[in-house]
Amino acid sequence: EVVDIVFLTHQAKEGNVQEALNEVARLECVEKICSAIRVVKI
């Protein structure tokens, strides 16, 4: 079964976000992470 998961965070450093995504990607139940979109307030 395929599902979409959306994570919203407070302001975070790019490296920390990438590290978290890598940890999620290593989970046995995760097949792949298709995309990550950064939303920036300007």
PDB file of N, CA and C in Angstrom:
ATOM      1  N   GLU A   1       0.843  -1.177   0.000  1.00  0.00           N
ATOM      2  CA  GLU A   1       0.000   0.000   0.000  1.00  0.00           C
ATOM      3  C   GLU A   1       0.888   1.240   0.000  1.00  0.00           C
ATOM      4  N   VAL A   2       0.577   2.167  -0.862  1.00  0.00           N
ATOM      5  CA  VAL A   2       1.340   3.410  -0.972  1.00  0.00           C
ATOM      6  C   VAL A   2       0.581   4.520  -0.257  1.00  0.00           C
ATOM      7  N   VAL A   3       1.305   5.286   0.537  1.00  0.00           N
ATOM      8  CA  VAL A   3       0.697   6.431   1.219  1.00  0.00           C
ATOM      9  C   VAL A   3       1.606   7.644   1.087  1.00  0.00           C
ATOM     10  N   ASP A   4       1.014   8.810   1.179  1.00  0.00           N
ATOM     11  CA  ASP A   4       1.768  10.058   1.210  1.00  0.00           C
ATOM     12  C   ASP A   4       1.883  10.507   2.658  1.00  0.00           C
ATOM     13  N   ILE A   5       3.058  10.964   3.040  1.00  0.00           N
ATOM     14  CA  ILE A   5       3.281  11.493   4.381  1.00  0.00           C
ATOM     15  C   ILE A   5       3.831  12.903   4.231  1.00  0.00           C
ATOM     16  N   VAL A   6       3.263  13.827   4.969  1.00  0.00           N
ATOM     17  CA  VAL A   6       3.703  15.218   4.930  1.00  0.00           C
ATOM     18  C   VAL A   6       4.246  15.589   6.299  1.00  0.00           C
ATOM     19  N   PHE A   7       5.476  16.097   6.324  1.00  0.00           N
ATOM     20  CA  PHE A   7       6.087  16.580   7.554  1.00  0.00           C
ATOM     21  C   PHE A   7       6.163  18.095   7.482  1.00  0.00           C
ATOM     22  N   LEU A   8       5.708  18.754   8.511  1.00  0.00           N
ATOM     23  CA  LEU A   8       5.869  20.200   8.630  1.00  0.00           C
ATOM     24  C   LEU A   8       6.783  20.452   9.815  1.00  0.00           C
ATOM     25  N   THR A   9       7.753  21.330   9.643  1.00  0.00           N
ATOM     26  CA  THR A   9       8.685  21.616  10.732  1.00  0.00           C
ATOM     27  C   THR A   9       8.745  23.114  10.990  1.00  0.00           C
ATOM     28  N   HIS A  10       9.274  23.441  12.131  1.00  0.00           N
ATOM     29  CA  HIS A  10       9.641  24.828  12.383  1.00  0.00           C
ATOM     30  C   HIS A  10      10.901  25.081  11.567  1.00  0.00           C
ATOM     31  N   GLN A  11      11.430  26.275  11.640  1.00  0.00           N
ATOM     32  CA  GLN A  11      12.661  26.601  10.922  1.00  0.00           C
ATOM     33  C   GLN A  11      13.726  25.557  11.263  1.00  0.00           C
ATOM     34  N   ALA A  12      14.370  25.015  10.237  1.00  0.00           N
ATOM     35  CA  ALA A  12      15.362  23.961  10.443  1.00  0.00           C
ATOM     36  C   ALA A  12      16.491  24.115   9.437  1.00  0.00           C
ATOM     37  N   LYS A  13      17.679  23.691   9.837  1.00  0.00           N
ATOM     38  CA  LYS A  13      18.824  23.711   8.929  1.00  0.00           C
ATOM     39  C   LYS A  13      18.658  22.614   7.885  1.00  0.00           C
ATOM     40  N   GLU A  14      19.079  22.909   6.657  1.00  0.00           N
ATOM     41  CA  GLU A  14      18.950  21.946   5.555  1.00  0.00           C
ATOM     42  C   GLU A  14      19.610  20.615   5.895  1.00  0.00           C
ATOM     43  N   GLY A  15      20.791  20.661   6.485  1.00  0.00           N
ATOM     44  CA  GLY A  15      21.494  19.429   6.835  1.00  0.00           C
ATOM     45  C   GLY A  15      20.714  18.572   7.810  1.00  0.00           C
ATOM     46  N   ASN A  16      20.052  19.203   8.771  1.00  0.00           N
ATOM     47  CA  ASN A  16      19.251  18.462   9.744  1.00  0.00           C
ATOM     48  C   ASN A  16      18.040  17.812   9.082  1.00  0.00           C
ATOM     49  N   VAL A  17      17.430  18.537   8.155  1.00  0.00           N
ATOM     50  CA  VAL A  17      16.284  17.986   7.436  1.00  0.00           C
ATOM     51  C   VAL A  17      16.727  16.797   6.588  1.00  0.00           C
ATOM     52  N   GLN A  18      17.838  16.930   5.886  1.00  0.00           N
ATOM     53  CA  GLN A  18      18.344  15.833   5.057  1.00  0.00           C
ATOM     54  C   GLN A  18      18.701  14.614   5.907  1.00  0.00           C
ATOM     55  N   GLU A  19      19.288  14.850   7.068  1.00  0.00           N
ATOM     56  CA  GLU A  19      19.625  13.744   7.972  1.00  0.00           C
ATOM     57  C   GLU A  19      18.363  13.014   8.420  1.00  0.00           C
ATOM     58  N   ALA A  20      17.325  13.766   8.749  1.00  0.00           N
ATOM     59  CA  ALA A  20      16.060  13.150   9.158  1.00  0.00           C
ATOM     60  C   ALA A  20      15.446  12.352   8.013  1.00  0.00           C
ATOM     61  N   LEU A  21      15.474  12.903   6.805  1.00  0.00           N
ATOM     62  CA  LEU A  21      14.943  12.180   5.649  1.00  0.00           C
ATOM     63  C   LEU A  21      15.730  10.899   5.383  1.00  0.00           C
ATOM     64  N   ASN A  22      17.032  10.946   5.559  1.00  0.00           N
ATOM     65  CA  ASN A  22      17.854   9.746   5.383  1.00  0.00           C
ATOM     66  C   ASN A  22      17.490   8.682   6.406  1.00  0.00           C
ATOM     67  N   GLU A  23      17.222   9.095   7.634  1.00  0.00           N
ATOM     68  CA  GLU A  23      16.814   8.131   8.665  1.00  0.00           C
ATOM     69  C   GLU A  23      15.477   7.503   8.306  1.00  0.00           C
ATOM     70  N   VAL A  24      14.541   8.311   7.835  1.00  0.00           N
ATOM     71  CA  VAL A  24      13.239   7.786   7.423  1.00  0.00           C
ATOM     72  C   VAL A  24      13.412   6.820   6.255  1.00  0.00           C
ATOM     73  N   ALA A  25      14.255   7.170   5.300  1.00  0.00           N
ATOM     74  CA  ALA A  25      14.474   6.320   4.124  1.00  0.00           C
ATOM     75  C   ALA A  25      15.041   4.955   4.499  1.00  0.00           C
ATOM     76  N   ARG A  26      15.778   4.885   5.594  1.00  0.00           N
ATOM     77  CA  ARG A  26      16.376   3.614   6.026  1.00  0.00           C
ATOM     78  C   ARG A  26      15.388   2.698   6.745  1.00  0.00           C
ATOM     79  N   LEU A  27      14.202   3.197   7.070  1.00  0.00           N
ATOM     80  CA  LEU A  27      13.209   2.356   7.737  1.00  0.00           C
ATOM     81  C   LEU A  27      12.780   1.221   6.815  1.00  0.00           C
ATOM     82  N   GLU A  28      12.579   0.061   7.395  1.00  0.00           N
ATOM     83  CA  GLU A  28      12.211  -1.120   6.613  1.00  0.00           C
ATOM     84  C   GLU A  28      10.890  -0.924   5.867  1.00  0.00           C
ATOM     85  N   CYS A  29       9.980  -0.164   6.444  1.00  0.00           N
ATOM     86  CA  CYS A  29       8.654   0.011   5.842  1.00  0.00           C
ATOM     87  C   CYS A  29       8.630   1.074   4.746  1.00  0.00           C
ATOM     88  N   VAL A  30       9.756   1.748   4.512  1.00  0.00           N
ATOM     89  CA  VAL A  30       9.808   2.812   3.505  1.00  0.00           C
ATOM     90  C   VAL A  30      10.484   2.283   2.247  1.00  0.00           C
ATOM     91  N   GLU A  31       9.765   2.346   1.134  1.00  0.00           N
ATOM     92  CA  GLU A  31      10.334   1.908  -0.144  1.00  0.00           C
ATOM     93  C   GLU A  31      11.208   3.002  -0.745  1.00  0.00           C
ATOM     94  N   LYS A  32      10.693   4.235  -0.756  1.00  0.00           N
ATOM     95  CA  LYS A  32      11.474   5.353  -1.277  1.00  0.00           C
ATOM     96  C   LYS A  32      10.837   6.669  -0.855  1.00  0.00           C
ATOM     97  N   ILE A  33      11.642   7.708  -0.884  1.00  0.00           N
ATOM     98  CA  ILE A  33      11.155   9.069  -0.692  1.00  0.00           C
ATOM     99  C   ILE A  33      11.176   9.717  -2.071  1.00  0.00           C
ATOM    100  N   CYS A  34      10.006  10.067  -2.560  1.00  0.00           N
ATOM    101  CA  CYS A  34       9.901  10.596  -3.925  1.00  0.00           C
ATOM    102  C   CYS A  34      10.316  12.054  -4.020  1.00  0.00           C
ATOM    103  N   SER A  35       9.966  12.838  -3.015  1.00  0.00           N
ATOM    104  CA  SER A  35      10.296  14.258  -3.096  1.00  0.00           C
ATOM    105  C   SER A  35      10.275  14.898  -1.719  1.00  0.00           C
ATOM    106  N   ALA A  36      11.003  15.983  -1.634  1.00  0.00           N
ATOM    107  CA  ALA A  36      11.000  16.827  -0.440  1.00  0.00           C
ATOM    108  C   ALA A  36      10.947  18.262  -0.946  1.00  0.00           C
ATOM    109  N   ILE A  37      10.000  19.016  -0.457  1.00  0.00           N
ATOM    110  CA  ILE A  37       9.806  20.387  -0.930  1.00  0.00           C
ATOM    111  C   ILE A  37       9.998  21.346   0.235  1.00  0.00           C
ATOM    112  N   ARG A  38      10.907  22.285   0.061  1.00  0.00           N
ATOM    113  CA  ARG A  38      11.148  23.311   1.075  1.00  0.00           C
ATOM    114  C   ARG A  38      10.254  24.507   0.759  1.00  0.00           C
ATOM    115  N   VAL A  39       9.533  24.969   1.765  1.00  0.00           N
ATOM    116  CA  VAL A  39       8.698  26.160   1.629  1.00  0.00           C
ATOM    117  C   VAL A  39       9.343  27.249   2.469  1.00  0.00           C
ATOM    118  N   VAL A  40       9.623  28.381   1.832  1.00  0.00           N
ATOM    119  CA  VAL A  40      10.334  29.466   2.500  1.00  0.00           C
ATOM    120  C   VAL A  40       9.445  30.697   2.555  1.00  0.00           C
ATOM    121  N   LYS A  41       9.351  31.282   3.723  1.00  0.00           N
ATOM    122  CA  LYS A  41       8.601  32.528   3.883  1.00  0.00           C
ATOM    123  C   LYS A  41       9.494  33.681   3.442  1.00  0.00           C
ATOM    124  N   ILE A  42       8.990  34.482   2.499  1.00  0.00           N
ATOM    125  CA  ILE A  42       9.790  35.616   2.025  1.00  0.00           C
ATOM    126  C   ILE A  42       9.078  36.931   2.268  1.00  0.00           C
TER     127      ILE A  42
END
